[in-house]
Amino acid sequence: GKGQSFPSRHGFSAFTIATCWFAASAPVAVALLVAAAALGACRVLGGV
């Protein structure tokens, strides 16, 4: 695909899910925030 780059939906979704986890488990939420940052790095390093 082309276009529709801003904002990243992968980043939006991952950080939304990670933050929502604070309603159930703060340790899981923190781990998912780290994973969301890693996914964001993958998307930038991947050039998309």
PDB file of all heavy atoms in Angstrom:
ATOM      1  N   GLY A   1       0.792  -1.215   0.000  1.00  0.00           N
ATOM      2  CA  GLY A   1       0.000   0.000   0.000  1.00  0.00           C
ATOM      3  C   GLY A   1       0.827   1.269   0.000  1.00  0.00           C
ATOM      4  O   GLY A   1       2.022   1.258   0.261  1.00  0.00           O
ATOM      5  N   LYS A   2       0.141   2.339  -0.305  1.00  0.00           N
ATOM      6  CA  LYS A   2       0.780   3.651  -0.304  1.00  0.00           C
ATOM      7  C   LYS A   2      -0.055   4.587   0.564  1.00  0.00           C
ATOM      8  O   LYS A   2      -1.237   4.385   0.749  1.00  0.00           O
ATOM      9  CB  LYS A   2       0.891   4.188  -1.720  1.00  0.00           C
ATOM     10  CG  LYS A   2       1.826   3.385  -2.594  1.00  0.00           C
ATOM     11  CD  LYS A   2       2.018   4.068  -3.941  1.00  0.00           C
ATOM     12  CE  LYS A   2       2.882   3.237  -4.843  1.00  0.00           C
ATOM     13  NZ  LYS A   2       4.287   3.436  -4.661  1.00  0.00           N
ATOM     14  N   GLY A   3       0.607   5.607   1.066  1.00  0.00           N
ATOM     15  CA  GLY A   3      -0.078   6.637   1.845  1.00  0.00           C
ATOM     16  C   GLY A   3      -0.593   6.134   3.178  1.00  0.00           C
ATOM     17  O   GLY A   3      -0.227   5.058   3.652  1.00  0.00           O
ATOM     18  N   GLN A   4      -1.432   6.959   3.798  1.00  0.00           N
ATOM     19  CA  GLN A   4      -2.063   6.651   5.077  1.00  0.00           C
ATOM     20  C   GLN A   4      -1.040   6.232   6.137  1.00  0.00           C
ATOM     21  O   GLN A   4      -1.244   5.272   6.872  1.00  0.00           O
ATOM     22  CB  GLN A   4      -3.140   5.589   4.900  1.00  0.00           C
ATOM     23  CG  GLN A   4      -4.231   6.018   3.952  1.00  0.00           C
ATOM     24  CD  GLN A   4      -5.341   5.003   3.829  1.00  0.00           C
ATOM     25  OE1 GLN A   4      -5.586   4.234   4.742  1.00  0.00           O
ATOM     26  NE2 GLN A   4      -6.012   5.009   2.702  1.00  0.00           N
ATOM     27  N   SER A   5       0.031   6.977   6.211  1.00  0.00           N
ATOM     28  CA  SER A   5       1.116   6.653   7.135  1.00  0.00           C
ATOM     29  C   SER A   5       0.953   7.299   8.508  1.00  0.00           C
ATOM     30  O   SER A   5       1.443   6.769   9.489  1.00  0.00           O
ATOM     31  CB  SER A   5       2.445   7.097   6.526  1.00  0.00           C
ATOM     32  OG  SER A   5       3.519   6.766   7.350  1.00  0.00           O
ATOM     33  N   PHE A   6       0.268   8.432   8.561  1.00  0.00           N
ATOM     34  CA  PHE A   6       0.205   9.215   9.801  1.00  0.00           C
ATOM     35  C   PHE A   6      -1.212   9.298  10.330  1.00  0.00           C
ATOM     36  O   PHE A   6      -2.111   9.694   9.585  1.00  0.00           O
ATOM     37  CB  PHE A   6       0.721  10.635   9.551  1.00  0.00           C
ATOM     38  CG  PHE A   6       0.722  11.493  10.781  1.00  0.00           C
ATOM     39  CD1 PHE A   6       1.793  11.463  11.655  1.00  0.00           C
ATOM     40  CD2 PHE A   6      -0.341  12.324  11.059  1.00  0.00           C
ATOM     41  CE1 PHE A   6       1.802  12.249  12.789  1.00  0.00           C
ATOM     42  CE2 PHE A   6      -0.346  13.116  12.198  1.00  0.00           C
ATOM     43  CZ  PHE A   6       0.732  13.075  13.057  1.00  0.00           C
ATOM     44  N   PRO A   7      -1.405   8.968  11.595  1.00  0.00           N
ATOM     45  CA  PRO A   7      -0.505   8.310  12.531  1.00  0.00           C
ATOM     46  C   PRO A   7      -0.471   6.801  12.283  1.00  0.00           C
ATOM     47  O   PRO A   7      -1.355   6.258  11.615  1.00  0.00           O
ATOM     48  CB  PRO A   7      -1.126   8.626  13.899  1.00  0.00           C
ATOM     49  CG  PRO A   7      -2.584   8.770  13.620  1.00  0.00           C
ATOM     50  CD  PRO A   7      -2.693   9.327  12.228  1.00  0.00           C
ATOM     51  N   SER A   8       0.498   6.150  12.851  1.00  0.00           N
ATOM     52  CA  SER A   8       0.631   4.702  12.693  1.00  0.00           C
ATOM     53  C   SER A   8      -0.504   3.990  13.416  1.00  0.00           C
ATOM     54  O   SER A   8      -0.702   4.176  14.616  1.00  0.00           O
ATOM     55  CB  SER A   8       1.961   4.230  13.278  1.00  0.00           C
ATOM     56  OG  SER A   8       1.961   2.829  13.430  1.00  0.00           O
ATOM     57  N   ARG A   9      -1.245   3.167  12.671  1.00  0.00           N
ATOM     58  CA  ARG A   9      -2.309   2.379  13.312  1.00  0.00           C
ATOM     59  C   ARG A   9      -1.720   1.234  14.128  1.00  0.00           C
ATOM     60  O   ARG A   9      -2.293   0.837  15.131  1.00  0.00           O
ATOM     61  CB  ARG A   9      -3.287   1.840  12.269  1.00  0.00           C
ATOM     62  CG  ARG A   9      -4.519   2.675  12.161  1.00  0.00           C
ATOM     63  CD  ARG A   9      -5.629   2.012  11.417  1.00  0.00           C
ATOM     64  NE  ARG A   9      -5.181   1.214  10.294  1.00  0.00           N
ATOM     65  CZ  ARG A   9      -5.835   1.084   9.160  1.00  0.00           C
ATOM     66  NH1 ARG A   9      -6.980   1.689   8.988  1.00  0.00           N
ATOM     67  NH2 ARG A   9      -5.371   0.334   8.200  1.00  0.00           N
ATOM     68  N   HIS A  10      -0.580   0.686  13.676  1.00  0.00           N
ATOM     69  CA  HIS A  10       0.081  -0.335  14.486  1.00  0.00           C
ATOM     70  C   HIS A  10       0.460   0.268  15.843  1.00  0.00           C
ATOM     71  O   HIS A  10       0.221  -0.335  16.889  1.00  0.00           O
ATOM     72  CB  HIS A  10       1.342  -0.861  13.794  1.00  0.00           C
ATOM     73  CG  HIS A  10       1.104  -1.916  12.783  1.00  0.00           C
ATOM     74  ND1 HIS A  10       0.668  -1.636  11.509  1.00  0.00           N
ATOM     75  CD2 HIS A  10       1.256  -3.264  12.847  1.00  0.00           C
ATOM     76  CE1 HIS A  10       0.570  -2.773  10.825  1.00  0.00           C
ATOM     77  NE2 HIS A  10       0.910  -3.775  11.616  1.00  0.00           N
ATOM     78  N   GLY A  11       1.077   1.461  15.801  1.00  0.00           N
ATOM     79  CA  GLY A  11       1.465   2.127  17.040  1.00  0.00           C
ATOM     80  C   GLY A  11       0.255   2.475  17.889  1.00  0.00           C
ATOM     81  O   GLY A  11       0.245   2.237  19.103  1.00  0.00           O
ATOM     82  N   PHE A  12      -0.762   3.018  17.265  1.00  0.00           N
ATOM     83  CA  PHE A  12      -1.987   3.370  17.989  1.00  0.00           C
ATOM     84  C   PHE A  12      -2.575   2.145  18.679  1.00  0.00           C
ATOM     85  O   PHE A  12      -2.865   2.162  19.876  1.00  0.00           O
ATOM     86  CB  PHE A  12      -3.019   3.983  17.033  1.00  0.00           C
ATOM     87  CG  PHE A  12      -4.386   4.087  17.640  1.00  0.00           C
ATOM     88  CD1 PHE A  12      -4.684   5.107  18.529  1.00  0.00           C
ATOM     89  CD2 PHE A  12      -5.359   3.139  17.365  1.00  0.00           C
ATOM     90  CE1 PHE A  12      -5.937   5.183  19.119  1.00  0.00           C
ATOM     91  CE2 PHE A  12      -6.605   3.207  17.951  1.00  0.00           C
ATOM     92  CZ  PHE A  12      -6.901   4.232  18.831  1.00  0.00           C
ATOM     93  N   SER A  13      -2.749   1.077  17.930  1.00  0.00           N
ATOM     94  CA  SER A  13      -3.385  -0.124  18.478  1.00  0.00           C
ATOM     95  C   SER A  13      -2.559  -0.738  19.600  1.00  0.00           C
ATOM     96  O   SER A  13      -3.099  -1.098  20.657  1.00  0.00           O
ATOM     97  CB  SER A  13      -3.606  -1.152  17.369  1.00  0.00           C
ATOM     98  OG  SER A  13      -4.476  -0.640  16.387  1.00  0.00           O
ATOM     99  N   ALA A  14      -1.263  -0.873  19.379  1.00  0.00           N
ATOM    100  CA  ALA A  14      -0.407  -1.493  20.389  1.00  0.00           C
ATOM    101  C   ALA A  14      -0.403  -0.684  21.682  1.00  0.00           C
ATOM    102  O   ALA A  14      -0.535  -1.246  22.783  1.00  0.00           O
ATOM    103  CB  ALA A  14       1.013  -1.661  19.851  1.00  0.00           C
ATOM    104  N   PHE A  15      -0.254   0.623  21.585  1.00  0.00           N
ATOM    105  CA  PHE A  15      -0.224   1.442  22.789  1.00  0.00           C
ATOM    106  C   PHE A  15      -1.598   1.535  23.452  1.00  0.00           C
ATOM    107  O   PHE A  15      -1.692   1.628  24.671  1.00  0.00           O
ATOM    108  CB  PHE A  15       0.364   2.826  22.494  1.00  0.00           C
ATOM    109  CG  PHE A  15       1.860   2.827  22.465  1.00  0.00           C
ATOM    110  CD1 PHE A  15       2.546   2.652  21.276  1.00  0.00           C
ATOM    111  CD2 PHE A  15       2.587   2.981  23.640  1.00  0.00           C
ATOM    112  CE1 PHE A  15       3.934   2.631  21.239  1.00  0.00           C
ATOM    113  CE2 PHE A  15       3.969   2.962  23.617  1.00  0.00           C
ATOM    114  CZ  PHE A  15       4.646   2.779  22.418  1.00  0.00           C
ATOM    115  N   THR A  16      -2.670   1.486  22.670  1.00  0.00           N
ATOM    116  CA  THR A  16      -4.014   1.452  23.250  1.00  0.00           C
ATOM    117  C   THR A  16      -4.194   0.180  24.068  1.00  0.00           C
ATOM    118  O   THR A  16      -4.621   0.220  25.230  1.00  0.00           O
ATOM    119  CB  THR A  16      -5.099   1.512  22.151  1.00  0.00           C
ATOM    120  OG1 THR A  16      -4.994   2.743  21.445  1.00  0.00           O
ATOM    121  CG2 THR A  16      -6.502   1.399  22.752  1.00  0.00           C
ATOM    122  N   ILE A  17      -3.883  -0.957  23.476  1.00  0.00           N
ATOM    123  CA  ILE A  17      -4.046  -2.241  24.154  1.00  0.00           C
ATOM    124  C   ILE A  17      -3.180  -2.298  25.411  1.00  0.00           C
ATOM    125  O   ILE A  17      -3.640  -2.700  26.484  1.00  0.00           O
ATOM    126  CB  ILE A  17      -3.735  -3.402  23.190  1.00  0.00           C
ATOM    127  CG1 ILE A  17      -4.797  -3.450  22.091  1.00  0.00           C
ATOM    128  CG2 ILE A  17      -3.633  -4.734  23.934  1.00  0.00           C
ATOM    129  CD1 ILE A  17      -4.417  -4.291  20.880  1.00  0.00           C
ATOM    130  N   ALA A  18      -1.935  -1.874  25.281  1.00  0.00           N
ATOM    131  CA  ALA A  18      -1.034  -1.888  26.440  1.00  0.00           C
ATOM    132  C   ALA A  18      -1.592  -1.033  27.571  1.00  0.00           C
ATOM    133  O   ALA A  18      -1.608  -1.456  28.730  1.00  0.00           O
ATOM    134  CB  ALA A  18       0.352  -1.401  26.033  1.00  0.00           C
ATOM    135  N   THR A  19      -2.055   0.147  27.260  1.00  0.00           N
ATOM    136  CA  THR A  19      -2.572   1.053  28.293  1.00  0.00           C
ATOM    137  C   THR A  19      -3.866   0.525  28.888  1.00  0.00           C
ATOM    138  O   THR A  19      -4.087   0.634  30.102  1.00  0.00           O
ATOM    139  CB  THR A  19      -2.761   2.469  27.717  1.00  0.00           C
ATOM    140  OG1 THR A  19      -1.522   2.907  27.144  1.00  0.00           O
ATOM    141  CG2 THR A  19      -3.178   3.461  28.795  1.00  0.00           C
ATOM    142  N   CYS A  20      -4.722  -0.070  28.073  1.00  0.00           N
ATOM    143  CA  CYS A  20      -5.960  -0.656  28.584  1.00  0.00           C
ATOM    144  C   CYS A  20      -5.686  -1.742  29.622  1.00  0.00           C
ATOM    145  O   CYS A  20      -6.477  -1.952  30.542  1.00  0.00           O
ATOM    146  CB  CYS A  20      -6.800  -1.238  27.444  1.00  0.00           C
ATOM    147  SG  CYS A  20      -7.714  -0.015  26.487  1.00  0.00           S
ATOM    148  N   TRP A  21      -4.559  -2.415  29.496  1.00  0.00           N
ATOM    149  CA  TRP A  21      -4.226  -3.487  30.439  1.00  0.00           C
ATOM    150  C   TRP A  21      -4.041  -2.971  31.867  1.00  0.00           C
ATOM    151  O   TRP A  21      -4.103  -3.745  32.816  1.00  0.00           O
ATOM    152  CB  TRP A  21      -2.987  -4.256  29.976  1.00  0.00           C
ATOM    153  CG  TRP A  21      -3.365  -5.532  29.297  1.00  0.00           C
ATOM    154  CD1 TRP A  21      -3.512  -5.754  27.967  1.00  0.00           C
ATOM    155  CD2 TRP A  21      -3.674  -6.778  29.943  1.00  0.00           C
ATOM    156  NE1 TRP A  21      -3.888  -7.049  27.736  1.00  0.00           N
ATOM    157  CE2 TRP A  21      -3.989  -7.702  28.932  1.00  0.00           C
ATOM    158  CE3 TRP A  21      -3.708  -7.193  31.265  1.00  0.00           C
ATOM    159  CZ2 TRP A  21      -4.345  -9.022  29.212  1.00  0.00           C
ATOM    160  CZ3 TRP A  21      -4.054  -8.503  31.549  1.00  0.00           C
ATOM    161  CH2 TRP A  21      -4.378  -9.396  30.530  1.00  0.00           C
ATOM    162  N   PHE A  22      -3.851  -1.670  32.050  1.00  0.00           N
ATOM    163  CA  PHE A  22      -3.752  -1.146  33.417  1.00  0.00           C
ATOM    164  C   PHE A  22      -5.045  -1.393  34.197  1.00  0.00           C
ATOM    165  O   PHE A  22      -5.030  -1.407  35.428  1.00  0.00           O
ATOM    166  CB  PHE A  22      -3.392   0.342  33.418  1.00  0.00           C
ATOM    167  CG  PHE A  22      -1.919   0.595  33.243  1.00  0.00           C
ATOM    168  CD1 PHE A  22      -1.421   1.063  32.049  1.00  0.00           C
ATOM    169  CD2 PHE A  22      -1.039   0.353  34.296  1.00  0.00           C
ATOM    170  CE1 PHE A  22      -0.059   1.290  31.882  1.00  0.00           C
ATOM    171  CE2 PHE A  22       0.323   0.572  34.139  1.00  0.00           C
ATOM    172  CZ  PHE A  22       0.814   1.045  32.930  1.00  0.00           C
ATOM    173  N   ALA A  23      -6.157  -1.606  33.498  1.00  0.00           N
ATOM    174  CA  ALA A  23      -7.424  -1.909  34.179  1.00  0.00           C
ATOM    175  C   ALA A  23      -7.393  -3.282  34.831  1.00  0.00           C
ATOM    176  O   ALA A  23      -8.165  -3.554  35.750  1.00  0.00           O
ATOM    177  CB  ALA A  23      -8.587  -1.836  33.181  1.00  0.00           C
ATOM    178  N   ALA A  24      -6.511  -4.164  34.376  1.00  0.00           N
ATOM    179  CA  ALA A  24      -6.469  -5.533  34.882  1.00  0.00           C
ATOM    180  C   ALA A  24      -5.159  -5.875  35.580  1.00  0.00           C
ATOM    181  O   ALA A  24      -5.165  -6.545  36.613  1.00  0.00           O
ATOM    182  CB  ALA A  24      -6.711  -6.514  33.731  1.00  0.00           C
ATOM    183  N   SER A  25      -4.031  -5.427  35.032  1.00  0.00           N
ATOM    184  CA  SER A  25      -2.729  -5.807  35.591  1.00  0.00           C
ATOM    185  C   SER A  25      -1.654  -4.816  35.167  1.00  0.00           C
ATOM    186  O   SER A  25      -1.286  -4.760  33.984  1.00  0.00           O
ATOM    187  CB  SER A  25      -2.349  -7.209  35.106  1.00  0.00           C
ATOM    188  OG  SER A  25      -1.025  -7.520  35.461  1.00  0.00           O
ATOM    189  N   ALA A  26      -1.138  -4.070  36.129  1.00  0.00           N
ATOM    190  CA  ALA A  26      -0.084  -3.097  35.828  1.00  0.00           C
ATOM    191  C   ALA A  26       1.191  -3.761  35.299  1.00  0.00           C
ATOM    192  O   ALA A  26       1.774  -3.257  34.326  1.00  0.00           O
ATOM    193  CB  ALA A  26       0.224  -2.233  37.047  1.00  0.00           C
ATOM    194  N   PRO A  27       1.646  -4.896  35.851  1.00  0.00           N
ATOM    195  CA  PRO A  27       2.857  -5.516  35.304  1.00  0.00           C
ATOM    196  C   PRO A  27       2.697  -5.942  33.836  1.00  0.00           C
ATOM    197  O   PRO A  27       3.615  -5.776  33.041  1.00  0.00           O
ATOM    198  CB  PRO A  27       3.097  -6.735  36.211  1.00  0.00           C
ATOM    199  CG  PRO A  27       2.436  -6.378  37.502  1.00  0.00           C
ATOM    200  CD  PRO A  27       1.234  -5.559  37.119  1.00  0.00           C
ATOM    201  N   VAL A  28       1.533  -6.485  33.495  1.00  0.00           N
ATOM    202  CA  VAL A  28       1.291  -6.866  32.092  1.00  0.00           C
ATOM    203  C   VAL A  28       1.264  -5.612  31.228  1.00  0.00           C
ATOM    204  O   VAL A  28       1.836  -5.590  30.125  1.00  0.00           O
ATOM    205  CB  VAL A  28      -0.020  -7.672  31.948  1.00  0.00           C
ATOM    206  CG1 VAL A  28      -0.363  -7.895  30.474  1.00  0.00           C
ATOM    207  CG2 VAL A  28       0.086  -9.003  32.678  1.00  0.00           C
ATOM    208  N   ALA A  29       0.635  -4.561  31.720  1.00  0.00           N
ATOM    209  CA  ALA A  29       0.555  -3.309  30.957  1.00  0.00           C
ATOM    210  C   ALA A  29       1.952  -2.755  30.670  1.00  0.00           C
ATOM    211  O   ALA A  29       2.243  -2.341  29.536  1.00  0.00           O
ATOM    212  CB  ALA A  29      -0.281  -2.276  31.712  1.00  0.00           C
ATOM    213  N   VAL A  30       2.804  -2.763  31.668  1.00  0.00           N
ATOM    214  CA  VAL A  30       4.166  -2.239  31.485  1.00  0.00           C
ATOM    215  C   VAL A  30       4.932  -3.089  30.473  1.00  0.00           C
ATOM    216  O   VAL A  30       5.610  -2.559  29.580  1.00  0.00           O
ATOM    217  CB  VAL A  30       4.908  -2.150  32.837  1.00  0.00           C
ATOM    218  CG1 VAL A  30       6.387  -1.850  32.637  1.00  0.00           C
ATOM    219  CG2 VAL A  30       4.254  -1.094  33.727  1.00  0.00           C
ATOM    220  N   ALA A  31       4.813  -4.414  30.582  1.00  0.00           N
ATOM    221  CA  ALA A  31       5.476  -5.299  29.612  1.00  0.00           C
ATOM    222  C   ALA A  31       4.971  -5.033  28.198  1.00  0.00           C
ATOM    223  O   ALA A  31       5.755  -5.000  27.233  1.00  0.00           O
ATOM    224  CB  ALA A  31       5.260  -6.759  29.993  1.00  0.00           C
ATOM    225  N   LEU A  32       3.667  -4.813  28.065  1.00  0.00           N
ATOM    226  CA  LEU A  32       3.102  -4.543  26.744  1.00  0.00           C
ATOM    227  C   LEU A  32       3.515  -3.164  26.222  1.00  0.00           C
ATOM    228  O   LEU A  32       3.656  -2.988  25.004  1.00  0.00           O
ATOM    229  CB  LEU A  32       1.577  -4.679  26.771  1.00  0.00           C
ATOM    230  CG  LEU A  32       1.060  -6.113  26.866  1.00  0.00           C
ATOM    231  CD1 LEU A  32      -0.452  -6.126  27.068  1.00  0.00           C
ATOM    232  CD2 LEU A  32       1.449  -6.924  25.630  1.00  0.00           C
ATOM    233  N   LEU A  33       3.710  -2.197  27.108  1.00  0.00           N
ATOM    234  CA  LEU A  33       4.207  -0.893  26.656  1.00  0.00           C
ATOM    235  C   LEU A  33       5.606  -1.034  26.057  1.00  0.00           C
ATOM    236  O   LEU A  33       5.918  -0.409  25.041  1.00  0.00           O
ATOM    237  CB  LEU A  33       4.204   0.122  27.800  1.00  0.00           C
ATOM    238  CG  LEU A  33       2.833   0.672  28.197  1.00  0.00           C
ATOM    239  CD1 LEU A  33       2.932   1.479  29.491  1.00  0.00           C
ATOM    240  CD2 LEU A  33       2.233   1.512  27.080  1.00  0.00           C
ATOM    241  N   VAL A  34       6.441  -1.861  26.681  1.00  0.00           N
ATOM    242  CA  VAL A  34       7.777  -2.120  26.133  1.00  0.00           C
ATOM    243  C   VAL A  34       7.657  -2.810  24.778  1.00  0.00           C
ATOM    244  O   VAL A  34       8.346  -2.447  23.815  1.00  0.00           O
ATOM    245  CB  VAL A  34       8.621  -2.962  27.118  1.00  0.00           C
ATOM    246  CG1 VAL A  34       9.926  -3.413  26.486  1.00  0.00           C
ATOM    247  CG2 VAL A  34       8.891  -2.169  28.401  1.00  0.00           C
ATOM    248  N   ALA A  35       6.755  -3.781  24.681  1.00  0.00           N
ATOM    249  CA  ALA A  35       6.535  -4.482  23.404  1.00  0.00           C
ATOM    250  C   ALA A  35       5.990  -3.529  22.343  1.00  0.00           C
ATOM    251  O   ALA A  35       6.363  -3.619  21.164  1.00  0.00           O
ATOM    252  CB  ALA A  35       5.587  -5.661  23.600  1.00  0.00           C
ATOM    253  N   ALA A  36       5.133  -2.592  22.740  1.00  0.00           N
ATOM    254  CA  ALA A  36       4.593  -1.609  21.795  1.00  0.00           C
ATOM    255  C   ALA A  36       5.706  -0.712  21.258  1.00  0.00           C
ATOM    256  O   ALA A  36       5.744  -0.395  20.062  1.00  0.00           O
ATOM    257  CB  ALA A  36       3.498  -0.774  22.466  1.00  0.00           C
ATOM    258  N   ALA A  37       6.618  -0.316  22.138  1.00  0.00           N
ATOM    259  CA  ALA A  37       7.767   0.489  21.692  1.00  0.00           C
ATOM    260  C   ALA A  37       8.636  -0.316  20.728  1.00  0.00           C
ATOM    261  O   ALA A  37       9.126   0.224  19.726  1.00  0.00           O
ATOM    262  CB  ALA A  37       8.577   0.954  22.895  1.00  0.00           C
ATOM    263  N   ALA A  38       8.811  -1.607  21.009  1.00  0.00           N
ATOM    264  CA  ALA A  38       9.589  -2.464  20.108  1.00  0.00           C
ATOM    265  C   ALA A  38       8.900  -2.584  18.747  1.00  0.00           C
ATOM    266  O   ALA A  38       9.561  -2.542  17.703  1.00  0.00           O
ATOM    267  CB  ALA A  38       9.785  -3.851  20.727  1.00  0.00           C
ATOM    268  N   LEU A  39       7.578  -2.716  18.752  1.00  0.00           N
ATOM    269  CA  LEU A  39       6.847  -2.777  17.478  1.00  0.00           C
ATOM    270  C   LEU A  39       7.018  -1.466  16.716  1.00  0.00           C
ATOM    271  O   LEU A  39       7.236  -1.478  15.493  1.00  0.00           O
ATOM    272  CB  LEU A  39       5.371  -3.069  17.728  1.00  0.00           C
ATOM    273  CG  LEU A  39       4.470  -3.108  16.489  1.00  0.00           C
ATOM    274  CD1 LEU A  39       4.943  -4.155  15.478  1.00  0.00           C
ATOM    275  CD2 LEU A  39       3.024  -3.371  16.889  1.00  0.00           C
ATOM    276  N   GLY A  40       6.945  -0.349  17.408  1.00  0.00           N
ATOM    277  CA  GLY A  40       7.155   0.951  16.753  1.00  0.00           C
ATOM    278  C   GLY A  40       8.537   1.039  16.132  1.00  0.00           C
ATOM    279  O   GLY A  40       8.700   1.511  15.004  1.00  0.00           O
ATOM    280  N   ALA A  41       9.543   0.550  16.850  1.00  0.00           N
ATOM    281  CA  ALA A  41      10.910   0.549  16.319  1.00  0.00           C
ATOM    282  C   ALA A  41      10.998  -0.331  15.076  1.00  0.00           C
ATOM    283  O   ALA A  41      11.666   0.041  14.098  1.00  0.00           O
ATOM    284  CB  ALA A  41      11.891   0.076  17.383  1.00  0.00           C
ATOM    285  N   CYS A  42      10.324  -1.472  15.105  1.00  0.00           N
ATOM    286  CA  CYS A  42      10.312  -2.358  13.924  1.00  0.00           C
ATOM    287  C   CYS A  42       9.723  -1.638  12.715  1.00  0.00           C
ATOM    288  O   CYS A  42      10.239  -1.761  11.595  1.00  0.00           O
ATOM    289  CB  CYS A  42       9.480  -3.619  14.191  1.00  0.00           C
ATOM    290  SG  CYS A  42      10.240  -4.818  15.286  1.00  0.00           S
ATOM    291  N   ARG A  43       8.651  -0.906  12.931  1.00  0.00           N
ATOM    292  CA  ARG A  43       7.977  -0.215  11.825  1.00  0.00           C
ATOM    293  C   ARG A  43       8.872   0.875  11.230  1.00  0.00           C
ATOM    294  O   ARG A  43       8.888   1.079  10.018  1.00  0.00           O
ATOM    295  CB  ARG A  43       6.644   0.380  12.283  1.00  0.00           C
ATOM    296  CG  ARG A  43       5.682  -0.607  12.920  1.00  0.00           C
ATOM    297  CD  ARG A  43       5.188  -1.658  11.978  1.00  0.00           C
ATOM    298  NE  ARG A  43       4.280  -1.067  11.010  1.00  0.00           N
ATOM    299  CZ  ARG A  43       3.818  -1.697   9.944  1.00  0.00           C
ATOM    300  NH1 ARG A  43       4.189  -2.938   9.692  1.00  0.00           N
ATOM    301  NH2 ARG A  43       3.007  -1.100   9.105  1.00  0.00           N
ATOM    302  N   VAL A  44       9.620   1.578  12.087  1.00  0.00           N
ATOM    303  CA  VAL A  44      10.534   2.620  11.598  1.00  0.00           C
ATOM    304  C   VAL A  44      11.741   1.976  10.921  1.00  0.00           C
ATOM    305  O   VAL A  44      12.116   2.355   9.810  1.00  0.00           O
ATOM    306  CB  VAL A  44      10.970   3.567  12.739  1.00  0.00           C
ATOM    307  CG1 VAL A  44      12.071   4.515  12.277  1.00  0.00           C
ATOM    308  CG2 VAL A  44       9.767   4.361  13.248  1.00  0.00           C
ATOM    309  N   LEU A  45      12.354   0.992  11.587  1.00  0.00           N
ATOM    310  CA  LEU A  45      13.509   0.300  10.995  1.00  0.00           C
ATOM    311  C   LEU A  45      13.136  -0.416   9.700  1.00  0.00           C
ATOM    312  O   LEU A  45      13.960  -0.570   8.814  1.00  0.00           O
ATOM    313  CB  LEU A  45      14.097  -0.715  11.979  1.00  0.00           C
ATOM    314  CG  LEU A  45      14.898  -0.147  13.133  1.00  0.00           C
ATOM    315  CD1 LEU A  45      15.256  -1.246  14.123  1.00  0.00           C
ATOM    316  CD2 LEU A  45      16.149   0.546  12.627  1.00  0.00           C
ATOM    317  N   GLY A  46      11.887  -0.845   9.632  1.00  0.00           N
ATOM    318  CA  GLY A  46      11.423  -1.518   8.422  1.00  0.00           C
ATOM    319  C   GLY A  46      11.170  -0.572   7.264  1.00  0.00           C
ATOM    320  O   GLY A  46      10.989  -0.995   6.126  1.00  0.00           O
ATOM    321  N   GLY A  47      11.135   0.728   7.545  1.00  0.00           N
ATOM    322  CA  GLY A  47      10.954   1.713   6.477  1.00  0.00           C
ATOM    323  C   GLY A  47       9.517   1.972   6.081  1.00  0.00           C
ATOM    324  O   GLY A  47       9.253   2.591   5.057  1.00  0.00           O
ATOM    325  N   VAL A  48       8.548   1.516   6.893  1.00  0.00           N
ATOM    326  CA  VAL A  48       7.144   1.728   6.541  1.00  0.00           C
ATOM    327  C   VAL A  48       6.505   2.888   7.297  1.00  0.00           C
ATOM    328  O   VAL A  48       5.373   3.269   6.991  1.00  0.00           O
ATOM    329  CB  VAL A  48       6.307   0.437   6.719  1.00  0.00           C
ATOM    330  CG1 VAL A  48       6.754  -0.622   5.734  1.00  0.00           C
ATOM    331  CG2 VAL A  48       6.370  -0.091   8.136  1.00  0.00           C
TER     332      VAL A  48
END
